[in-house]
PDB file of N, CA and C in Angstrom:
ATOM      1  N   MET A   1       9.663 -11.270   9.414  1.00  0.00           N
ATOM      2  CA  MET A   1       9.057 -10.584   8.092  1.00  0.00           C
ATOM      3  C   MET A   1       9.700  -9.626   7.566  1.00  0.00           C
ATOM      4  N   THR A   2       9.648  -9.684   6.284  1.00  0.00           N
ATOM      5  CA  THR A   2      10.247  -8.731   5.268  1.00  0.00           C
ATOM      6  C   THR A   2       9.219  -8.110   4.411  1.00  0.00           C
ATOM      7  N   ALA A   3       9.536  -6.867   4.099  1.00  0.00           N
ATOM      8  CA  ALA A   3       8.617  -6.240   3.071  1.00  0.00           C
ATOM      9  C   ALA A   3       9.131  -6.512   1.717  1.00  0.00           C
ATOM     10  N   SER A   4       8.795  -5.781   0.748  1.00  0.00           N
ATOM     11  CA  SER A   4       9.021  -6.128  -0.604  1.00  0.00           C
ATOM     12  C   SER A   4      10.609  -6.170  -0.935  1.00  0.00           C
ATOM     13  N   VAL A   5      10.826  -7.141  -1.803  1.00  0.00           N
ATOM     14  CA  VAL A   5      12.204  -7.332  -2.365  1.00  0.00           C
ATOM     15  C   VAL A   5      12.348  -6.403  -3.448  1.00  0.00           C
ATOM     16  N   GLY A   6      13.410  -5.642  -3.527  1.00  0.00           N
ATOM     17  CA  GLY A   6      13.537  -4.928  -4.660  1.00  0.00           C
ATOM     18  C   GLY A   6      12.563  -3.759  -4.825  1.00  0.00           C
ATOM     19  N   SER A   7      12.311  -3.239  -3.770  1.00  0.00           N
ATOM     20  CA  SER A   7      11.201  -2.048  -3.778  1.00  0.00           C
ATOM     21  C   SER A   7      11.960  -0.855  -4.465  1.00  0.00           C
ATOM     22  N   ARG A   8      11.047  -0.213  -5.374  1.00  0.00           N
ATOM     23  CA  ARG A   8      11.559   0.846  -6.068  1.00  0.00           C
ATOM     24  C   ARG A   8      11.686   2.257  -5.195  1.00  0.00           C
ATOM     25  N   SER A   9      10.992   2.341  -4.140  1.00  0.00           N
ATOM     26  CA  SER A   9      10.918   3.609  -3.411  1.00  0.00           C
ATOM     27  C   SER A   9      10.717   3.373  -1.912  1.00  0.00           C
ATOM     28  N   GLU A  10      10.922   4.331  -1.278  1.00  0.00           N
ATOM     29  CA  GLU A  10      10.768   4.336   0.342  1.00  0.00           C
ATOM     30  C   GLU A  10       9.283   4.146   0.515  1.00  0.00           C
ATOM     31  N   LEU A  11       8.353   4.858  -0.367  1.00  0.00           N
ATOM     32  CA  LEU A  11       7.073   4.666  -0.025  1.00  0.00           C
ATOM     33  C   LEU A  11       6.404   3.291  -0.453  1.00  0.00           C
ATOM     34  N   GLU A  12       7.157   2.618  -1.363  1.00  0.00           N
ATOM     35  CA  GLU A  12       6.777   1.319  -1.766  1.00  0.00           C
ATOM     36  C   GLU A  12       7.153   0.307  -0.594  1.00  0.00           C
ATOM     37  N   LYS A  13       8.239   0.474  -0.063  1.00  0.00           N
ATOM     38  CA  LYS A  13       8.775  -0.197   1.193  1.00  0.00           C
ATOM     39  C   LYS A  13       7.979  -0.070   2.297  1.00  0.00           C
ATOM     40  N   ALA A  14       7.413   1.126   2.509  1.00  0.00           N
ATOM     41  CA  ALA A  14       6.452   1.352   3.697  1.00  0.00           C
ATOM     42  C   ALA A  14       5.191   0.828   3.342  1.00  0.00           C
ATOM     43  N   VAL A  15       4.587   0.797   2.204  1.00  0.00           N
ATOM     44  CA  VAL A  15       3.232   0.037   1.924  1.00  0.00           C
ATOM     45  C   VAL A  15       3.523  -1.265   2.087  1.00  0.00           C
ATOM     46  N   ALA A  16       4.590  -1.957   1.465  1.00  0.00           N
ATOM     47  CA  ALA A  16       4.794  -3.390   1.679  1.00  0.00           C
ATOM     48  C   ALA A  16       4.848  -3.850   3.146  1.00  0.00           C
ATOM     49  N   ALA A  17       5.580  -3.106   3.996  1.00  0.00           N
ATOM     50  CA  ALA A  17       5.611  -3.282   5.384  1.00  0.00           C
ATOM     51  C   ALA A  17       4.266  -3.350   5.842  1.00  0.00           C
ATOM     52  N   MET A  18       3.370  -2.277   5.615  1.00  0.00           N
ATOM     53  CA  MET A  18       2.101  -2.230   6.119  1.00  0.00           C
ATOM     54  C   MET A  18       1.247  -3.583   5.785  1.00  0.00           C
ATOM     55  N   TRP A  19       1.402  -4.060   4.453  1.00  0.00           N
ATOM     56  CA  TRP A  19       0.715  -5.351   4.081  1.00  0.00           C
ATOM     57  C   TRP A  19       1.455  -6.362   4.851  1.00  0.00           C
ATOM     58  N   VAL A  20       2.597  -6.536   5.257  1.00  0.00           N
ATOM     59  CA  VAL A  20       3.069  -7.655   5.886  1.00  0.00           C
ATOM     60  C   VAL A  20       2.554  -7.674   7.266  1.00  0.00           C
ATOM     61  N   GLU A  21       2.430  -6.591   7.954  1.00  0.00           N
ATOM     62  CA  GLU A  21       1.851  -6.528   9.204  1.00  0.00           C
ATOM     63  C   GLU A  21       0.388  -6.848   9.276  1.00  0.00           C
ATOM     64  N   ALA A  22      -0.263  -6.203   8.345  1.00  0.00           N
ATOM     65  CA  ALA A  22      -1.688  -6.461   8.342  1.00  0.00           C
ATOM     66  C   ALA A  22      -2.232  -7.684   7.947  1.00  0.00           C
ATOM     67  N   LEU A  23      -1.519  -8.131   6.996  1.00  0.00           N
ATOM     68  CA  LEU A  23      -1.862  -9.570   6.414  1.00  0.00           C
ATOM     69  C   LEU A  23      -1.308 -10.895   7.051  1.00  0.00           C
ATOM     70  N   GLY A  24      -0.261 -10.517   8.170  1.00  0.00           N
ATOM     71  CA  GLY A  24       0.483 -11.579   8.770  1.00  0.00           C
ATOM     72  C   GLY A  24       1.079 -12.460   7.861  1.00  0.00           C
ATOM     73  N   VAL A  25       1.749 -11.983   6.871  1.00  0.00           N
ATOM     74  CA  VAL A  25       2.492 -12.744   5.898  1.00  0.00           C
ATOM     75  C   VAL A  25       4.030 -12.524   6.221  1.00  0.00           C
ATOM     76  N   SER A  26       4.825 -13.298   5.719  1.00  0.00           N
ATOM     77  CA  SER A  26       6.242 -13.275   5.979  1.00  0.00           C
ATOM     78  C   SER A  26       6.958 -12.312   5.008  1.00  0.00           C
ATOM     79  N   GLU A  27       6.418 -12.079   3.754  1.00  0.00           N
ATOM     80  CA  GLU A  27       6.977 -11.324   2.737  1.00  0.00           C
ATOM     81  C   GLU A  27       6.010 -10.916   1.744  1.00  0.00           C
ATOM     82  N   VAL A  28       6.167  -9.730   1.277  1.00  0.00           N
ATOM     83  CA  VAL A  28       5.354  -9.266   0.168  1.00  0.00           C
ATOM     84  C   VAL A  28       6.075  -8.719  -0.843  1.00  0.00           C
ATOM     85  N   GLN A  29       5.877  -8.923  -2.041  1.00  0.00           N
ATOM     86  CA  GLN A  29       6.537  -8.527  -3.286  1.00  0.00           C
ATOM     87  C   GLN A  29       5.870  -7.498  -3.808  1.00  0.00           C
ATOM     88  N   ALA A  30       6.550  -6.625  -4.799  1.00  0.00           N
ATOM     89  CA  ALA A  30       5.792  -5.576  -5.331  1.00  0.00           C
ATOM     90  C   ALA A  30       4.574  -5.907  -6.273  1.00  0.00           C
ATOM     91  N   ASP A  31       4.515  -7.092  -6.876  1.00  0.00           N
ATOM     92  CA  ASP A  31       3.446  -7.379  -7.719  1.00  0.00           C
ATOM     93  C   ASP A  31       2.469  -8.350  -7.020  1.00  0.00           C
ATOM     94  N   ASP A  32       2.568  -8.566  -5.891  1.00  0.00           N
ATOM     95  CA  ASP A  32       1.644  -9.515  -5.082  1.00  0.00           C
ATOM     96  C   ASP A  32       0.306  -8.696  -4.958  1.00  0.00           C
ATOM     97  N   ASP A  33      -0.761  -9.492  -5.050  1.00  0.00           N
ATOM     98  CA  ASP A  33      -2.153  -9.098  -5.053  1.00  0.00           C
ATOM     99  C   ASP A  33      -2.660  -8.999  -3.626  1.00  0.00           C
ATOM    100  N   PHE A  34      -3.108  -8.010  -2.958  1.00  0.00           N
ATOM    101  CA  PHE A  34      -3.508  -7.871  -1.583  1.00  0.00           C
ATOM    102  C   PHE A  34      -4.655  -8.912  -1.346  1.00  0.00           C
ATOM    103  N   PHE A  35      -5.681  -9.142  -2.097  1.00  0.00           N
ATOM    104  CA  PHE A  35      -6.598 -10.062  -1.982  1.00  0.00           C
ATOM    105  C   PHE A  35      -6.137 -11.582  -2.046  1.00  0.00           C
ATOM    106  N   ASP A  36      -5.342 -11.908  -2.982  1.00  0.00           N
ATOM    107  CA  ASP A  36      -4.648 -13.116  -2.966  1.00  0.00           C
ATOM    108  C   ASP A  36      -3.914 -13.402  -1.892  1.00  0.00           C
ATOM    109  N   LEU A  37      -3.299 -12.437  -1.196  1.00  0.00           N
ATOM    110  CA  LEU A  37      -2.547 -12.675   0.050  1.00  0.00           C
ATOM    111  C   LEU A  37      -3.390 -13.084   1.160  1.00  0.00           C
ATOM    112  N   GLY A  38      -4.848 -12.952   1.069  1.00  0.00           N
ATOM    113  CA  GLY A  38      -5.770 -13.059   2.141  1.00  0.00           C
ATOM    114  C   GLY A  38      -6.341 -11.902   2.664  1.00  0.00           C
ATOM    115  N   GLY A  39      -6.017 -10.735   2.038  1.00  0.00           N
ATOM    116  CA  GLY A  39      -6.835  -9.549   2.300  1.00  0.00           C
ATOM    117  C   GLY A  39      -8.211  -9.496   2.186  1.00  0.00           C
ATOM    118  N   HIS A  40      -9.001  -8.813   3.117  1.00  0.00           N
ATOM    119  CA  HIS A  40     -10.376  -8.581   2.826  1.00  0.00           C
ATOM    120  C   HIS A  40     -10.759  -7.126   3.523  1.00  0.00           C
ATOM    121  N   SER A  41     -12.047  -6.891   3.401  1.00  0.00           N
ATOM    122  CA  SER A  41     -12.343  -5.481   3.573  1.00  0.00           C
ATOM    123  C   SER A  41     -11.994  -4.931   4.952  1.00  0.00           C
ATOM    124  N   LEU A  42     -12.066  -5.774   6.135  1.00  0.00           N
ATOM    125  CA  LEU A  42     -11.429  -5.100   7.396  1.00  0.00           C
ATOM    126  C   LEU A  42     -10.216  -4.868   7.218  1.00  0.00           C
ATOM    127  N   ILE A  43      -9.237  -5.892   6.728  1.00  0.00           N
ATOM    128  CA  ILE A  43      -7.893  -5.466   6.724  1.00  0.00           C
ATOM    129  C   ILE A  43      -7.639  -4.343   5.733  1.00  0.00           C
ATOM    130  N   ALA A  44      -8.352  -4.138   4.717  1.00  0.00           N
ATOM    131  CA  ALA A  44      -8.189  -3.136   3.786  1.00  0.00           C
ATOM    132  C   ALA A  44      -8.350  -1.795   4.441  1.00  0.00           C
ATOM    133  N   LEU A  45      -9.444  -1.692   5.490  1.00  0.00           N
ATOM    134  CA  LEU A  45      -9.599  -0.416   5.923  1.00  0.00           C
ATOM    135  C   LEU A  45      -8.540  -0.112   7.023  1.00  0.00           C
ATOM    136  N   ASP A  46      -7.816  -1.282   7.568  1.00  0.00           N
ATOM    137  CA  ASP A  46      -6.741  -0.888   8.364  1.00  0.00           C
ATOM    138  C   ASP A  46      -5.503  -0.261   7.632  1.00  0.00           C
ATOM    139  N   VAL A  47      -5.245  -0.984   6.466  1.00  0.00           N
ATOM    140  CA  VAL A  47      -4.157  -0.312   5.555  1.00  0.00           C
ATOM    141  C   VAL A  47      -4.633   0.839   5.150  1.00  0.00           C
ATOM    142  N   ILE A  48      -5.860   1.222   4.856  1.00  0.00           N
ATOM    143  CA  ILE A  48      -6.218   2.575   4.219  1.00  0.00           C
ATOM    144  C   ILE A  48      -5.839   3.623   5.346  1.00  0.00           C
ATOM    145  N   ASP A  49      -6.237   3.159   6.576  1.00  0.00           N
ATOM    146  CA  ASP A  49      -5.989   4.245   7.777  1.00  0.00           C
ATOM    147  C   ASP A  49      -4.491   4.428   7.940  1.00  0.00           C
ATOM    148  N   GLN A  50      -3.636   3.262   7.947  1.00  0.00           N
ATOM    149  CA  GLN A  50      -2.225   3.343   7.855  1.00  0.00           C
ATOM    150  C   GLN A  50      -1.562   4.430   6.827  1.00  0.00           C
ATOM    151  N   VAL A  51      -2.139   4.177   5.493  1.00  0.00           N
ATOM    152  CA  VAL A  51      -1.708   5.014   4.488  1.00  0.00           C
ATOM    153  C   VAL A  51      -1.946   6.497   4.836  1.00  0.00           C
ATOM    154  N   GLN A  52      -3.278   6.755   5.351  1.00  0.00           N
ATOM    155  CA  GLN A  52      -3.613   8.255   5.589  1.00  0.00           C
ATOM    156  C   GLN A  52      -2.625   8.704   6.663  1.00  0.00           C
ATOM    157  N   LYS A  53      -2.400   7.900   7.675  1.00  0.00           N
ATOM    158  CA  LYS A  53      -1.552   8.386   8.847  1.00  0.00           C
ATOM    159  C   LYS A  53      -0.135   8.880   8.186  1.00  0.00           C
ATOM    160  N   LEU A  54       0.412   7.913   7.426  1.00  0.00           N
ATOM    161  CA  LEU A  54       1.745   7.920   6.740  1.00  0.00           C
ATOM    162  C   LEU A  54       2.000   9.194   5.738  1.00  0.00           C
ATOM    163  N   THR A  55       0.932   9.298   4.853  1.00  0.00           N
ATOM    164  CA  THR A  55       0.966  10.107   3.871  1.00  0.00           C
ATOM    165  C   THR A  55       0.004  11.271   3.606  1.00  0.00           C
ATOM    166  N   GLY A  56      -1.034  11.173   4.448  1.00  0.00           N
ATOM    167  CA  GLY A  56      -2.220  12.274   4.372  1.00  0.00           C
ATOM    168  C   GLY A  56      -3.175  11.917   3.153  1.00  0.00           C
ATOM    169  N   VAL A  57      -2.730  10.822   2.426  1.00  0.00           N
ATOM    170  CA  VAL A  57      -3.672  10.525   1.249  1.00  0.00           C
ATOM    171  C   VAL A  57      -4.888   9.734   1.775  1.00  0.00           C
ATOM    172  N   GLU A  58      -6.098  10.246   1.489  1.00  0.00           N
ATOM    173  CA  GLU A  58      -7.392   9.452   1.947  1.00  0.00           C
ATOM    174  C   GLU A  58      -7.625   8.554   0.735  1.00  0.00           C
ATOM    175  N   LEU A  59      -7.635   7.277   0.935  1.00  0.00           N
ATOM    176  CA  LEU A  59      -8.088   6.214  -0.068  1.00  0.00           C
ATOM    177  C   LEU A  59      -9.358   5.810   0.278  1.00  0.00           C
ATOM    178  N   ARG A  60      -9.902   5.177  -0.671  1.00  0.00           N
ATOM    179  CA  ARG A  60     -11.330   4.483  -0.434  1.00  0.00           C
ATOM    180  C   ARG A  60     -10.999   2.951  -0.685  1.00  0.00           C
ATOM    181  N   PHE A  61     -11.989   2.175  -0.228  1.00  0.00           N
ATOM    182  CA  PHE A  61     -11.832   0.601  -0.402  1.00  0.00           C
ATOM    183  C   PHE A  61     -11.840   0.447  -2.028  1.00  0.00           C
ATOM    184  N   SER A  62     -12.471   1.203  -2.695  1.00  0.00           N
ATOM    185  CA  SER A  62     -12.558   0.934  -4.234  1.00  0.00           C
ATOM    186  C   SER A  62     -11.227   1.177  -4.800  1.00  0.00           C
ATOM    187  N   ASP A  63     -10.359   2.121  -4.102  1.00  0.00           N
ATOM    188  CA  ASP A  63      -9.119   2.338  -4.617  1.00  0.00           C
ATOM    189  C   ASP A  63      -8.180   1.049  -4.532  1.00  0.00           C
ATOM    190  N   LEU A  64      -8.240   0.401  -3.385  1.00  0.00           N
ATOM    191  CA  LEU A  64      -7.497  -0.844  -3.224  1.00  0.00           C
ATOM    192  C   LEU A  64      -7.979  -2.013  -4.066  1.00  0.00           C
ATOM    193  N   GLN A  65      -9.137  -1.975  -4.386  1.00  0.00           N
ATOM    194  CA  GLN A  65      -9.884  -2.992  -5.185  1.00  0.00           C
ATOM    195  C   GLN A  65      -9.270  -2.872  -6.541  1.00  0.00           C
ATOM    196  N   ARG A  66      -9.025  -1.545  -6.943  1.00  0.00           N
ATOM    197  CA  ARG A  66      -8.543  -1.315  -8.353  1.00  0.00           C
ATOM    198  C   ARG A  66      -6.892  -1.441  -8.326  1.00  0.00           C
ATOM    199  N   ALA A  67      -6.211  -0.906  -7.346  1.00  0.00           N
ATOM    200  CA  ALA A  67      -4.823  -0.906  -7.195  1.00  0.00           C
ATOM    201  C   ALA A  67      -4.389  -2.028  -6.183  1.00  0.00           C
ATOM    202  N   ARG A  68      -4.458  -3.308  -6.575  1.00  0.00           N
ATOM    203  CA  ARG A  68      -4.389  -4.496  -5.846  1.00  0.00           C
ATOM    204  C   ARG A  68      -2.968  -4.885  -5.470  1.00  0.00           C
ATOM    205  N   THR A  69      -1.988  -4.397  -6.109  1.00  0.00           N
ATOM    206  CA  THR A  69      -0.588  -4.744  -5.795  1.00  0.00           C
ATOM    207  C   THR A  69      -0.005  -3.519  -5.093  1.00  0.00           C
ATOM    208  N   VAL A  70       1.260  -3.916  -4.246  1.00  0.00           N
ATOM    209  CA  VAL A  70       1.826  -2.738  -3.845  1.00  0.00           C
ATOM    210  C   VAL A  70       2.525  -1.721  -4.892  1.00  0.00           C
ATOM    211  N   ALA A  71       2.945  -2.292  -6.005  1.00  0.00           N
ATOM    212  CA  ALA A  71       3.473  -1.177  -6.902  1.00  0.00           C
ATOM    213  C   ALA A  71       2.375  -0.292  -7.237  1.00  0.00           C
ATOM    214  N   SER A  72       1.068  -0.967  -7.723  1.00  0.00           N
ATOM    215  CA  SER A  72       0.016  -0.068  -8.309  1.00  0.00           C
ATOM    216  C   SER A  72      -0.634   0.738  -7.224  1.00  0.00           C
ATOM    217  N   LEU A  73      -0.746   0.403  -5.961  1.00  0.00           N
ATOM    218  CA  LEU A  73      -1.177   1.268  -4.802  1.00  0.00           C
ATOM    219  C   LEU A  73      -0.178   2.194  -4.690  1.00  0.00           C
ATOM    220  N   THR A  74       1.127   2.156  -4.777  1.00  0.00           N
ATOM    221  CA  THR A  74       2.173   3.116  -4.337  1.00  0.00           C
ATOM    222  C   THR A  74       2.082   4.049  -5.391  1.00  0.00           C
ATOM    223  N   ASP A  75       1.896   3.505  -6.669  1.00  0.00           N
ATOM    224  CA  ASP A  75       1.783   4.631  -7.764  1.00  0.00           C
ATOM    225  C   ASP A  75       0.513   5.619  -7.689  1.00  0.00           C
ATOM    226  N   LEU A  76      -0.583   4.881  -7.161  1.00  0.00           N
ATOM    227  CA  LEU A  76      -1.837   5.830  -6.854  1.00  0.00           C
ATOM    228  C   LEU A  76      -1.531   6.774  -5.723  1.00  0.00           C
ATOM    229  N   ILE A  77      -0.840   6.307  -4.656  1.00  0.00           N
ATOM    230  CA  ILE A  77      -0.635   7.166  -3.485  1.00  0.00           C
ATOM    231  C   ILE A  77       0.158   8.459  -3.988  1.00  0.00           C
ATOM    232  N   ALA A  78       1.380   7.940  -4.588  1.00  0.00           N
ATOM    233  CA  ALA A  78       2.397   8.945  -5.156  1.00  0.00           C
ATOM    234  C   ALA A  78       1.654   9.958  -6.024  1.00  0.00           C
ATOM    235  N   GLY A  79       0.746   9.417  -6.752  1.00  0.00           N
ATOM    236  CA  GLY A  79       0.001  10.425  -7.802  1.00  0.00           C
ATOM    237  C   GLY A  79      -0.863  11.431  -6.888  1.00  0.00           C
ATOM    238  N   GLU A  80      -1.560  10.831  -5.844  1.00  0.00           N
ATOM    239  CA  GLU A  80      -2.420  11.700  -5.141  1.00  0.00           C
ATOM    240  C   GLU A  80      -1.478  12.733  -4.338  1.00  0.00           C
ATOM    241  N   MET A  81      -0.333  12.264  -3.789  1.00  0.00           N
ATOM    242  CA  MET A  81       0.549  13.210  -3.239  1.00  0.00           C
ATOM    243  C   MET A  81       0.904  14.263  -4.066  1.00  0.00           C
ATOM    244  N   ASN A  82       1.465  13.904  -5.256  1.00  0.00           N
ATOM    245  CA  ASN A  82       1.913  15.069  -6.273  1.00  0.00           C
ATOM    246  C   ASN A  82       0.713  15.930  -6.550  1.00  0.00           C
ATOM    247  N   GLU A  83      -0.470  15.467  -6.721  1.00  0.00           N
ATOM    248  CA  GLU A  83      -1.675  16.315  -7.109  1.00  0.00           C
ATOM    249  C   GLU A  83      -1.921  17.275  -5.887  1.00  0.00           C
ATOM    250  N   ALA A  84      -1.642  16.894  -4.636  1.00  0.00           N
ATOM    251  CA  ALA A  84      -1.906  17.545  -3.404  1.00  0.00           C
ATOM    252  C   ALA A  84      -0.701  18.599  -3.054  1.00  0.00           C
ATOM    253  N   GLY A  85       0.321  18.495  -3.929  1.00  0.00           N
ATOM    254  CA  GLY A  85       1.241  19.448  -3.736  1.00  0.00           C
ATOM    255  C   GLY A  85       2.503  18.787  -2.804  1.00  0.00           C
ATOM    256  N   GLY A  86       2.439  17.482  -2.406  1.00  0.00           N
ATOM    257  CA  GLY A  86       3.392  16.775  -1.580  1.00  0.00           C
ATOM    258  C   GLY A  86       4.590  16.695  -2.376  1.00  0.00           C
ATOM    259  N   GLY A  87       4.573  16.184  -3.597  1.00  0.00           N
ATOM    260  CA  GLY A  87       5.694  16.146  -4.495  1.00  0.00           C
ATOM    261  C   GLY A  87       6.941  15.113  -4.064  1.00  0.00           C
ATOM    262  N   HIS A  88       6.543  14.372  -2.900  1.00  0.00           N
ATOM    263  CA  HIS A  88       7.733  13.586  -2.521  1.00  0.00           C
ATOM    264  C   HIS A  88       7.242  12.196  -2.302  1.00  0.00           C
ATOM    265  N   GLU A  89       8.064  11.264  -2.266  1.00  0.00           N
ATOM    266  CA  GLU A  89       7.779   9.928  -2.052  1.00  0.00           C
ATOM    267  C   GLU A  89       8.375   9.376  -0.654  1.00  0.00           C
TER     268      GLU A  89
END
């Protein structure tokens, strides 16, 4: 199993790896849609929990519904980290 090919950041690679594991797929690209890959609410809750453990960012299910790709979710997480004063990826 591999994460996103051509990932832009370490955070994006970590999110892609979470999706690979949670979704049971062999590969996730930065522009792959979580729900198109078979994601649903229970898997989303697992991913949200993993994101919080890794970054301290508390996401809601609605965040994943809006930010459906690895790239867009990573941008959302990074933005939340910057707002909280984390300032790193």
